[in-house]
PDB file of N, CA and C in Angstrom:
ATOM      1  N   UNK A   1     107.058  40.539  47.870  1.00  0.00           N
ATOM      2  CA  UNK A   1     108.157  41.418  48.268  1.00  0.00           C
ATOM      3  C   UNK A   1     109.299  41.344  47.277  1.00  0.00           C
ATOM      4  N   UNK A   2     109.740  42.550  46.833  1.00  0.00           N
ATOM      5  CA  UNK A   2     110.874  42.611  45.888  1.00  0.00           C
ATOM      6  C   UNK A   2     112.163  42.167  46.493  1.00  0.00           C
ATOM      7  N   UNK A   3     113.012  41.451  45.590  1.00  0.00           N
ATOM      8  CA  UNK A   3     114.398  41.067  46.013  1.00  0.00           C
ATOM      9  C   UNK A   3     115.137  42.311  45.565  1.00  0.00           C
ATOM     10  N   UNK A   4     116.359  42.394  46.114  1.00  0.00           N
ATOM     11  CA  UNK A   4     117.278  43.518  45.882  1.00  0.00           C
ATOM     12  C   UNK A   4     117.594  43.721  44.396  1.00  0.00           C
ATOM     13  N   UNK A   5     117.730  42.680  43.699  1.00  0.00           N
ATOM     14  CA  UNK A   5     118.118  42.684  42.291  1.00  0.00           C
ATOM     15  C   UNK A   5     116.887  43.331  41.513  1.00  0.00           C
ATOM     16  N   UNK A   6     115.704  42.984  41.913  1.00  0.00           N
ATOM     17  CA  UNK A   6     114.407  43.493  41.218  1.00  0.00           C
ATOM     18  C   UNK A   6     114.338  44.902  41.450  1.00  0.00           C
ATOM     19  N   UNK A   7     114.518  45.419  42.712  1.00  0.00           N
ATOM     20  CA  UNK A   7     114.551  46.897  42.996  1.00  0.00           C
ATOM     21  C   UNK A   7     115.520  47.659  42.183  1.00  0.00           C
ATOM     22  N   UNK A   8     116.711  47.154  42.115  1.00  0.00           N
ATOM     23  CA  UNK A   8     117.728  47.705  41.259  1.00  0.00           C
ATOM     24  C   UNK A   8     117.287  47.987  39.861  1.00  0.00           C
ATOM     25  N   UNK A   9     116.671  46.980  39.243  1.00  0.00           N
ATOM     26  CA  UNK A   9     116.242  46.898  37.977  1.00  0.00           C
ATOM     27  C   UNK A   9     115.175  48.026  37.732  1.00  0.00           C
ATOM     28  N   UNK A  10     114.212  48.127  38.699  1.00  0.00           N
ATOM     29  CA  UNK A  10     113.141  49.158  38.745  1.00  0.00           C
ATOM     30  C   UNK A  10     113.822  50.457  38.663  1.00  0.00           C
ATOM     31  N   UNK A  11     114.734  50.646  39.649  1.00  0.00           N
ATOM     32  CA  UNK A  11     115.441  51.996  39.804  1.00  0.00           C
ATOM     33  C   UNK A  11     116.201  52.356  38.536  1.00  0.00           C
ATOM     34  N   UNK A  12     116.904  51.443  38.035  1.00  0.00           N
ATOM     35  CA  UNK A  12     117.569  51.618  36.655  1.00  0.00           C
ATOM     36  C   UNK A  12     116.698  52.012  35.576  1.00  0.00           C
ATOM     37  N   UNK A  13     115.547  51.308  35.459  1.00  0.00           N
ATOM     38  CA  UNK A  13     114.560  51.582  34.370  1.00  0.00           C
ATOM     39  C   UNK A  13     114.093  52.922  34.658  1.00  0.00           C
ATOM     40  N   UNK A  14     113.693  53.332  35.860  1.00  0.00           N
ATOM     41  CA  UNK A  14     113.154  54.684  36.035  1.00  0.00           C
ATOM     42  C   UNK A  14     114.262  55.732  35.682  1.00  0.00           C
ATOM     43  N   UNK A  15     115.482  55.582  36.033  1.00  0.00           N
ATOM     44  CA  UNK A  15     116.512  56.534  35.635  1.00  0.00           C
ATOM     45  C   UNK A  15     116.614  56.559  34.067  1.00  0.00           C
ATOM     46  N   UNK A  16     116.435  55.572  33.417  1.00  0.00           N
ATOM     47  CA  UNK A  16     116.595  55.554  31.921  1.00  0.00           C
ATOM     48  C   UNK A  16     115.468  56.386  31.408  1.00  0.00           C
ATOM     49  N   UNK A  17     114.260  56.277  31.929  1.00  0.00           N
ATOM     50  CA  UNK A  17     113.179  56.946  31.516  1.00  0.00           C
ATOM     51  C   UNK A  17     113.255  58.405  31.685  1.00  0.00           C
ATOM     52  N   UNK A  18     113.881  58.849  32.817  1.00  0.00           N
ATOM     53  CA  UNK A  18     114.004  60.285  33.195  1.00  0.00           C
ATOM     54  C   UNK A  18     115.116  60.915  32.325  1.00  0.00           C
ATOM     55  N   UNK A  19     116.001  60.215  31.789  1.00  0.00           N
ATOM     56  CA  UNK A  19     117.048  60.873  30.963  1.00  0.00           C
ATOM     57  C   UNK A  19     116.479  61.608  29.756  1.00  0.00           C
ATOM     58  N   UNK A  20     116.847  62.777  29.498  1.00  0.00           N
ATOM     59  CA  UNK A  20     116.312  63.582  28.344  1.00  0.00           C
ATOM     60  C   UNK A  20     117.132  63.215  27.182  1.00  0.00           C
ATOM     61  N   UNK A  21     116.556  63.271  25.955  1.00  0.00           N
ATOM     62  CA  UNK A  21     117.199  63.028  24.820  1.00  0.00           C
ATOM     63  C   UNK A  21     117.995  64.309  24.438  1.00  0.00           C
ATOM     64  N   UNK A  22     119.321  64.032  24.049  1.00  0.00           N
ATOM     65  CA  UNK A  22     120.140  65.065  23.554  1.00  0.00           C
ATOM     66  C   UNK A  22     119.622  65.725  22.302  1.00  0.00           C
ATOM     67  N   UNK A  23     119.587  67.071  22.208  1.00  0.00           N
ATOM     68  CA  UNK A  23     119.132  67.802  21.003  1.00  0.00           C
ATOM     69  C   UNK A  23     120.324  68.562  20.569  1.00  0.00           C
ATOM     70  N   UNK A  24     120.229  68.887  19.304  1.00  0.00           N
ATOM     71  CA  UNK A  24     121.263  69.659  18.807  1.00  0.00           C
ATOM     72  C   UNK A  24     121.160  71.167  19.312  1.00  0.00           C
ATOM     73  N   UNK A  25     122.357  71.883  19.154  1.00  0.00           N
ATOM     74  CA  UNK A  25     122.324  73.288  19.549  1.00  0.00           C
ATOM     75  C   UNK A  25     121.376  74.160  18.699  1.00  0.00           C
ATOM     76  N   UNK A  26     121.402  73.771  17.475  1.00  0.00           N
ATOM     77  CA  UNK A  26     120.412  74.672  16.556  1.00  0.00           C
ATOM     78  C   UNK A  26     118.985  74.235  16.956  1.00  0.00           C
ATOM     79  N   UNK A  27     118.655  73.120  17.229  1.00  0.00           N
ATOM     80  CA  UNK A  27     117.202  72.743  17.566  1.00  0.00           C
ATOM     81  C   UNK A  27     116.876  73.346  18.912  1.00  0.00           C
ATOM     82  N   UNK A  28     117.847  73.354  19.823  1.00  0.00           N
ATOM     83  CA  UNK A  28     117.576  73.831  21.140  1.00  0.00           C
ATOM     84  C   UNK A  28     117.401  75.523  21.026  1.00  0.00           C
ATOM     85  N   UNK A  29     118.322  76.132  20.267  1.00  0.00           N
ATOM     86  CA  UNK A  29     118.148  77.515  20.082  1.00  0.00           C
ATOM     87  C   UNK A  29     116.859  77.884  19.366  1.00  0.00           C
ATOM     88  N   UNK A  30     116.475  77.119  18.435  1.00  0.00           N
ATOM     89  CA  UNK A  30     115.081  77.309  17.664  1.00  0.00           C
ATOM     90  C   UNK A  30     114.057  77.215  18.707  1.00  0.00           C
ATOM     91  N   UNK A  31     114.105  76.242  19.558  1.00  0.00           N
ATOM     92  CA  UNK A  31     112.853  75.925  20.518  1.00  0.00           C
ATOM     93  C   UNK A  31     112.862  77.125  21.490  1.00  0.00           C
ATOM     94  N   UNK A  32     113.928  77.457  21.963  1.00  0.00           N
ATOM     95  CA  UNK A  32     114.102  78.633  22.949  1.00  0.00           C
ATOM     96  C   UNK A  32     113.503  79.910  22.414  1.00  0.00           C
ATOM     97  N   UNK A  33     113.927  80.125  21.200  1.00  0.00           N
ATOM     98  CA  UNK A  33     113.378  81.327  20.489  1.00  0.00           C
ATOM     99  C   UNK A  33     111.876  81.283  20.296  1.00  0.00           C
ATOM    100  N   UNK A  34     111.506  80.111  19.923  1.00  0.00           N
ATOM    101  CA  UNK A  34     110.002  79.886  19.717  1.00  0.00           C
ATOM    102  C   UNK A  34     109.215  80.181  21.052  1.00  0.00           C
ATOM    103  N   UNK A  35     109.734  79.571  22.083  1.00  0.00           N
ATOM    104  CA  UNK A  35     109.091  79.741  23.412  1.00  0.00           C
ATOM    105  C   UNK A  35     109.085  81.175  23.993  1.00  0.00           C
ATOM    106  N   UNK A  36     110.201  82.022  23.663  1.00  0.00           N
ATOM    107  CA  UNK A  36     110.193  83.335  23.991  1.00  0.00           C
ATOM    108  C   UNK A  36     109.155  84.104  23.368  1.00  0.00           C
ATOM    109  N   UNK A  37     108.981  83.790  22.010  1.00  0.00           N
ATOM    110  CA  UNK A  37     107.886  84.498  21.261  1.00  0.00           C
ATOM    111  C   UNK A  37     106.579  84.141  21.786  1.00  0.00           C
ATOM    112  N   UNK A  38     106.447  82.974  22.215  1.00  0.00           N
ATOM    113  CA  UNK A  38     105.009  82.578  22.760  1.00  0.00           C
ATOM    114  C   UNK A  38     104.797  83.430  24.031  1.00  0.00           C
ATOM    115  N   UNK A  39     105.796  83.540  24.967  1.00  0.00           N
ATOM    116  CA  UNK A  39     105.676  84.161  26.180  1.00  0.00           C
ATOM    117  C   UNK A  39     105.428  85.688  25.883  1.00  0.00           C
ATOM    118  N   UNK A  40     106.097  86.288  25.032  1.00  0.00           N
ATOM    119  CA  UNK A  40     105.968  87.714  24.575  1.00  0.00           C
ATOM    120  C   UNK A  40     104.503  87.886  24.184  1.00  0.00           C
ATOM    121  N   UNK A  41     104.044  86.941  23.389  1.00  0.00           N
ATOM    122  CA  UNK A  41     102.708  87.198  22.856  1.00  0.00           C
ATOM    123  C   UNK A  41     101.634  86.981  24.015  1.00  0.00           C
ATOM    124  N   UNK A  42     101.943  86.158  24.891  1.00  0.00           N
ATOM    125  CA  UNK A  42     100.947  86.123  26.075  1.00  0.00           C
ATOM    126  C   UNK A  42     101.014  87.470  26.828  1.00  0.00           C
ATOM    127  N   UNK A  43     102.253  87.999  26.975  1.00  0.00           N
ATOM    128  CA  UNK A  43     102.340  89.288  27.777  1.00  0.00           C
ATOM    129  C   UNK A  43     101.583  90.361  27.023  1.00  0.00           C
ATOM    130  N   UNK A  44     101.622  90.424  25.618  1.00  0.00           N
ATOM    131  CA  UNK A  44     100.744  91.275  24.889  1.00  0.00           C
ATOM    132  C   UNK A  44      99.292  91.164  25.189  1.00  0.00           C
ATOM    133  N   UNK A  45      98.879  89.825  25.248  1.00  0.00           N
ATOM    134  CA  UNK A  45      97.437  89.592  25.408  1.00  0.00           C
ATOM    135  C   UNK A  45      97.090  89.817  27.016  1.00  0.00           C
ATOM    136  N   UNK A  46      97.787  89.244  27.828  1.00  0.00           N
ATOM    137  CA  UNK A  46      97.586  89.264  29.291  1.00  0.00           C
ATOM    138  C   UNK A  46      98.362  90.276  29.863  1.00  0.00           C
ATOM    139  N   UNK A  47      97.794  91.387  30.288  1.00  0.00           N
ATOM    140  CA  UNK A  47      98.512  92.732  30.758  1.00  0.00           C
ATOM    141  C   UNK A  47      98.754  92.691  32.247  1.00  0.00           C
ATOM    142  N   UNK A  48      98.004  91.834  32.988  1.00  0.00           N
ATOM    143  CA  UNK A  48      98.063  92.015  34.393  1.00  0.00           C
ATOM    144  C   UNK A  48      98.257  90.623  35.119  1.00  0.00           C
ATOM    145  N   UNK A  49      99.176  90.539  35.977  1.00  0.00           N
ATOM    146  CA  UNK A  49      99.455  89.346  36.815  1.00  0.00           C
ATOM    147  C   UNK A  49      98.883  89.660  38.165  1.00  0.00           C
ATOM    148  N   UNK A  50      98.035  88.587  38.694  1.00  0.00           N
ATOM    149  CA  UNK A  50      97.537  88.841  40.075  1.00  0.00           C
ATOM    150  C   UNK A  50      97.946  87.688  40.902  1.00  0.00           C
ATOM    151  N   UNK A  51      98.453  87.961  42.081  1.00  0.00           N
ATOM    152  CA  UNK A  51      98.811  86.890  43.036  1.00  0.00           C
ATOM    153  C   UNK A  51      98.078  87.047  44.313  1.00  0.00           C
ATOM    154  N   UNK A  52      97.361  86.013  44.816  1.00  0.00           N
ATOM    155  CA  UNK A  52      96.720  86.099  46.038  1.00  0.00           C
ATOM    156  C   UNK A  52      97.378  85.602  47.219  1.00  0.00           C
ATOM    157  N   UNK A  53      96.929  85.584  48.443  1.00  0.00           N
ATOM    158  CA  UNK A  53      97.626  85.186  49.592  1.00  0.00           C
ATOM    159  C   UNK A  53      98.019  83.798  49.643  1.00  0.00           C
ATOM    160  N   UNK A  54      97.468  82.956  48.830  1.00  0.00           N
ATOM    161  CA  UNK A  54      97.765  81.466  48.766  1.00  0.00           C
ATOM    162  C   UNK A  54      98.800  81.253  47.555  1.00  0.00           C
ATOM    163  N   UNK A  55      99.396  82.250  47.041  1.00  0.00           N
ATOM    164  CA  UNK A  55     100.317  82.295  45.996  1.00  0.00           C
ATOM    165  C   UNK A  55      99.684  81.757  44.591  1.00  0.00           C
ATOM    166  N   UNK A  56      98.466  81.870  44.488  1.00  0.00           N
ATOM    167  CA  UNK A  56      97.859  81.502  43.352  1.00  0.00           C
ATOM    168  C   UNK A  56      98.063  82.582  42.314  1.00  0.00           C
ATOM    169  N   UNK A  57      98.355  82.271  40.946  1.00  0.00           N
ATOM    170  CA  UNK A  57      98.676  83.241  39.979  1.00  0.00           C
ATOM    171  C   UNK A  57      97.567  83.218  38.956  1.00  0.00           C
ATOM    172  N   UNK A  58      97.232  84.405  38.591  1.00  0.00           N
ATOM    173  CA  UNK A  58      96.207  84.475  37.433  1.00  0.00           C
ATOM    174  C   UNK A  58      96.450  85.615  36.525  1.00  0.00           C
ATOM    175  N   UNK A  59      96.329  85.468  35.247  1.00  0.00           N
ATOM    176  CA  UNK A  59      96.558  86.482  34.283  1.00  0.00           C
ATOM    177  C   UNK A  59      95.217  87.130  33.852  1.00  0.00           C
ATOM    178  N   UNK A  60      95.325  88.502  33.665  1.00  0.00           N
ATOM    179  CA  UNK A  60      93.974  89.161  33.221  1.00  0.00           C
ATOM    180  C   UNK A  60      94.378  90.043  32.050  1.00  0.00           C
ATOM    181  N   UNK A  61      93.418  90.091  31.134  1.00  0.00           N
ATOM    182  CA  UNK A  61      93.576  91.106  29.985  1.00  0.00           C
ATOM    183  C   UNK A  61      93.206  92.461  30.274  1.00  0.00           C
ATOM    184  N   UNK A  62      92.408  92.796  31.299  1.00  0.00           N
ATOM    185  CA  UNK A  62      92.045  94.204  31.455  1.00  0.00           C
ATOM    186  C   UNK A  62      91.692  94.340  32.975  1.00  0.00           C
ATOM    187  N   UNK A  63      91.723  95.647  33.366  1.00  0.00           N
ATOM    188  CA  UNK A  63      91.368  96.026  34.808  1.00  0.00           C
ATOM    189  C   UNK A  63      89.990  95.751  35.066  1.00  0.00           C
ATOM    190  N   UNK A  64      89.042  95.899  34.133  1.00  0.00           N
ATOM    191  CA  UNK A  64      87.703  95.564  34.332  1.00  0.00           C
ATOM    192  C   UNK A  64      87.476  93.992  34.506  1.00  0.00           C
ATOM    193  N   UNK A  65      88.314  93.116  33.863  1.00  0.00           N
ATOM    194  CA  UNK A  65      88.107  91.735  34.244  1.00  0.00           C
ATOM    195  C   UNK A  65      88.572  91.457  35.696  1.00  0.00           C
ATOM    196  N   UNK A  66      89.533  92.215  36.153  1.00  0.00           N
ATOM    197  CA  UNK A  66      89.960  92.076  37.619  1.00  0.00           C
ATOM    198  C   UNK A  66      88.864  92.493  38.438  1.00  0.00           C
ATOM    199  N   UNK A  67      88.258  93.646  38.142  1.00  0.00           N
ATOM    200  CA  UNK A  67      87.076  94.107  38.932  1.00  0.00           C
ATOM    201  C   UNK A  67      85.979  93.261  38.957  1.00  0.00           C
ATOM    202  N   UNK A  68      85.691  92.542  37.867  1.00  0.00           N
ATOM    203  CA  UNK A  68      84.618  91.564  37.936  1.00  0.00           C
ATOM    204  C   UNK A  68      84.920  90.411  38.780  1.00  0.00           C
ATOM    205  N   UNK A  69      86.130  89.843  38.656  1.00  0.00           N
ATOM    206  CA  UNK A  69      86.481  88.593  39.281  1.00  0.00           C
ATOM    207  C   UNK A  69      86.691  88.829  40.750  1.00  0.00           C
ATOM    208  N   UNK A  70      87.347  89.947  41.145  1.00  0.00           N
ATOM    209  CA  UNK A  70      87.885  90.195  42.672  1.00  0.00           C
ATOM    210  C   UNK A  70      87.126  91.086  43.394  1.00  0.00           C
ATOM    211  N   UNK A  71      86.405  91.966  42.629  1.00  0.00           N
ATOM    212  CA  UNK A  71      85.620  92.998  43.282  1.00  0.00           C
ATOM    213  C   UNK A  71      86.330  94.178  43.615  1.00  0.00           C
ATOM    214  N   UNK A  72      87.395  94.407  43.049  1.00  0.00           N
ATOM    215  CA  UNK A  72      88.240  95.660  43.290  1.00  0.00           C
ATOM    216  C   UNK A  72      88.017  96.608  42.129  1.00  0.00           C
ATOM    217  N   UNK A  73      87.714  97.949  42.505  1.00  0.00           N
ATOM    218  CA  UNK A  73      87.522  98.936  41.555  1.00  0.00           C
ATOM    219  C   UNK A  73      88.618  99.086  40.458  1.00  0.00           C
ATOM    220  N   UNK A  74      88.088  99.031  39.207  1.00  0.00           N
ATOM    221  CA  UNK A  74      89.201  99.149  38.204  1.00  0.00           C
ATOM    222  C   UNK A  74      89.911 100.561  38.304  1.00  0.00           C
ATOM    223  N   UNK A  75      89.197 101.513  38.589  1.00  0.00           N
ATOM    224  CA  UNK A  75      89.805 102.925  38.763  1.00  0.00           C
ATOM    225  C   UNK A  75      90.722 102.972  39.894  1.00  0.00           C
ATOM    226  N   UNK A  76      90.417 102.376  40.919  1.00  0.00           N
ATOM    227  CA  UNK A  76      91.356 102.277  42.111  1.00  0.00           C
ATOM    228  C   UNK A  76      92.739 101.673  41.739  1.00  0.00           C
ATOM    229  N   UNK A  77      92.551 100.441  41.087  1.00  0.00           N
ATOM    230  CA  UNK A  77      93.836  99.741  40.575  1.00  0.00           C
ATOM    231  C   UNK A  77      94.538 100.718  39.738  1.00  0.00           C
ATOM    232  N   UNK A  78      93.861 101.330  38.768  1.00  0.00           N
ATOM    233  CA  UNK A  78      94.567 102.161  37.769  1.00  0.00           C
ATOM    234  C   UNK A  78      95.283 103.299  38.443  1.00  0.00           C
ATOM    235  N   UNK A  79      94.679 103.939  39.470  1.00  0.00           N
ATOM    236  CA  UNK A  79      95.419 105.071  40.224  1.00  0.00           C
ATOM    237  C   UNK A  79      96.654 104.458  40.778  1.00  0.00           C
ATOM    238  N   UNK A  80      96.580 103.308  41.373  1.00  0.00           N
ATOM    239  CA  UNK A  80      97.731 102.749  42.175  1.00  0.00           C
ATOM    240  C   UNK A  80      98.871 102.367  41.110  1.00  0.00           C
ATOM    241  N   UNK A  81      98.443 101.770  39.933  1.00  0.00           N
ATOM    242  CA  UNK A  81      99.397 101.339  39.002  1.00  0.00           C
ATOM    243  C   UNK A  81     100.101 102.587  38.289  1.00  0.00           C
ATOM    244  N   UNK A  82      99.536 103.714  38.428  1.00  0.00           N
ATOM    245  CA  UNK A  82     100.159 104.951  37.754  1.00  0.00           C
ATOM    246  C   UNK A  82     101.417 105.341  38.527  1.00  0.00           C
ATOM    247  N   UNK A  83     101.436 105.058  39.842  1.00  0.00           N
ATOM    248  CA  UNK A  83     102.578 105.366  40.754  1.00  0.00           C
ATOM    249  C   UNK A  83     103.731 104.427  40.496  1.00  0.00           C
ATOM    250  N   UNK A  84     103.326 103.084  40.239  1.00  0.00           N
ATOM    251  CA  UNK A  84     104.373 101.976  40.056  1.00  0.00           C
ATOM    252  C   UNK A  84     103.761 100.922  39.231  1.00  0.00           C
ATOM    253  N   UNK A  85     104.552 100.071  38.831  1.00  0.00           N
ATOM    254  CA  UNK A  85     103.951  98.988  37.868  1.00  0.00           C
ATOM    255  C   UNK A  85     103.389  97.826  38.629  1.00  0.00           C
ATOM    256  N   UNK A  86     103.256  97.952  39.969  1.00  0.00           N
ATOM    257  CA  UNK A  86     102.635  97.080  40.695  1.00  0.00           C
ATOM    258  C   UNK A  86     101.913  97.679  41.835  1.00  0.00           C
ATOM    259  N   UNK A  87     100.984  96.995  42.584  1.00  0.00           N
ATOM    260  CA  UNK A  87     100.207  97.405  43.716  1.00  0.00           C
ATOM    261  C   UNK A  87      99.644  96.251  44.470  1.00  0.00           C
ATOM    262  N   UNK A  88      99.314  96.682  45.657  1.00  0.00           N
ATOM    263  CA  UNK A  88      98.660  95.613  46.570  1.00  0.00           C
ATOM    264  C   UNK A  88      97.260  96.226  46.768  1.00  0.00           C
ATOM    265  N   UNK A  89      96.245  95.347  46.579  1.00  0.00           N
ATOM    266  CA  UNK A  89      94.850  95.874  46.728  1.00  0.00           C
ATOM    267  C   UNK A  89      94.076  94.974  47.557  1.00  0.00           C
ATOM    268  N   UNK A  90      93.073  95.462  48.261  1.00  0.00           N
ATOM    269  CA  UNK A  90      92.089  94.796  49.120  1.00  0.00           C
ATOM    270  C   UNK A  90      90.709  95.118  48.648  1.00  0.00           C
ATOM    271  N   UNK A  91      89.830  94.157  48.402  1.00  0.00           N
ATOM    272  CA  UNK A  91      88.497  94.421  48.085  1.00  0.00           C
ATOM    273  C   UNK A  91      87.771  95.046  49.369  1.00  0.00           C
ATOM    274  N   UNK A  92      86.890  95.968  49.227  1.00  0.00           N
ATOM    275  CA  UNK A  92      86.207  96.597  50.338  1.00  0.00           C
ATOM    276  C   UNK A  92      85.483  95.627  51.299  1.00  0.00           C
ATOM    277  N   UNK A  93      84.910  94.549  50.780  1.00  0.00           N
ATOM    278  CA  UNK A  93      84.025  93.772  51.559  1.00  0.00           C
ATOM    279  C   UNK A  93      84.785  92.500  52.167  1.00  0.00           C
ATOM    280  N   UNK A  94      86.042  92.388  51.893  1.00  0.00           N
ATOM    281  CA  UNK A  94      86.758  91.194  52.338  1.00  0.00           C
ATOM    282  C   UNK A  94      88.085  91.584  52.969  1.00  0.00           C
ATOM    283  N   UNK A  95      88.820  90.561  53.482  1.00  0.00           N
ATOM    284  CA  UNK A  95      90.103  90.725  53.993  1.00  0.00           C
ATOM    285  C   UNK A  95      91.153  90.160  53.137  1.00  0.00           C
ATOM    286  N   UNK A  96      90.779  89.684  51.962  1.00  0.00           N
ATOM    287  CA  UNK A  96      91.762  89.112  50.948  1.00  0.00           C
ATOM    288  C   UNK A  96      92.656  90.220  50.532  1.00  0.00           C
ATOM    289  N   UNK A  97      93.950  89.839  50.223  1.00  0.00           N
ATOM    290  CA  UNK A  97      94.957  90.728  49.677  1.00  0.00           C
ATOM    291  C   UNK A  97      95.486  90.296  48.452  1.00  0.00           C
ATOM    292  N   UNK A  98      95.575  91.131  47.416  1.00  0.00           N
ATOM    293  CA  UNK A  98      96.026  90.738  46.018  1.00  0.00           C
ATOM    294  C   UNK A  98      97.123  91.683  45.651  1.00  0.00           C
ATOM    295  N   UNK A  99      98.178  91.099  44.970  1.00  0.00           N
ATOM    296  CA  UNK A  99      99.352  91.709  44.564  1.00  0.00           C
ATOM    297  C   UNK A  99      98.985  91.851  42.949  1.00  0.00           C
ATOM    298  N   UNK A 100      98.947  93.045  42.432  1.00  0.00           N
ATOM    299  CA  UNK A 100      98.728  93.167  40.938  1.00  0.00           C
ATOM    300  C   UNK A 100      99.804  93.839  40.302  1.00  0.00           C
ATOM    301  N   UNK A 101     100.306  93.215  39.266  1.00  0.00           N
ATOM    302  CA  UNK A 101     101.495  93.616  38.572  1.00  0.00           C
ATOM    303  C   UNK A 101     101.102  93.854  37.038  1.00  0.00           C
ATOM    304  N   UNK A 102     101.495  95.036  36.550  1.00  0.00           N
ATOM    305  CA  UNK A 102     101.271  95.417  35.175  1.00  0.00           C
ATOM    306  C   UNK A 102     102.423  94.883  34.398  1.00  0.00           C
ATOM    307  N   UNK A 103     102.124  93.900  33.660  1.00  0.00           N
ATOM    308  CA  UNK A 103     103.114  93.342  32.742  1.00  0.00           C
ATOM    309  C   UNK A 103     103.519  94.135  31.521  1.00  0.00           C
ATOM    310  N   UNK A 104     102.653  94.980  31.121  1.00  0.00           N
ATOM    311  CA  UNK A 104     102.823  95.870  30.012  1.00  0.00           C
ATOM    312  C   UNK A 104     103.936  96.967  30.161  1.00  0.00           C
ATOM    313  N   UNK A 105     104.244  97.185  31.424  1.00  0.00           N
ATOM    314  CA  UNK A 105     105.222  98.343  31.672  1.00  0.00           C
ATOM    315  C   UNK A 105     106.463  97.722  31.938  1.00  0.00           C
TER     316      UNK A 105
END
């Protein structure tokens, strides 16, 4: 059993480990710019975001990839995405519901 002083030491040590190291404004700005570029590169590669009913997220490069993985016709998705940059689709043989968002638009 821990004594109170030992618990305080453990808590203090944990707090010290969680403190983030201060970085300069220039370094912070550089890292933010670098991360923005990485995100934009991923958006150029992965054009579609799919969210299922359990809030799981998945990125896809093409509508045909979505068709293979989820069993939803790529042409049906395409038609719905022409009206808006997102749609809700249900595969014909299931009751699953998917939100599909076109990141390229």
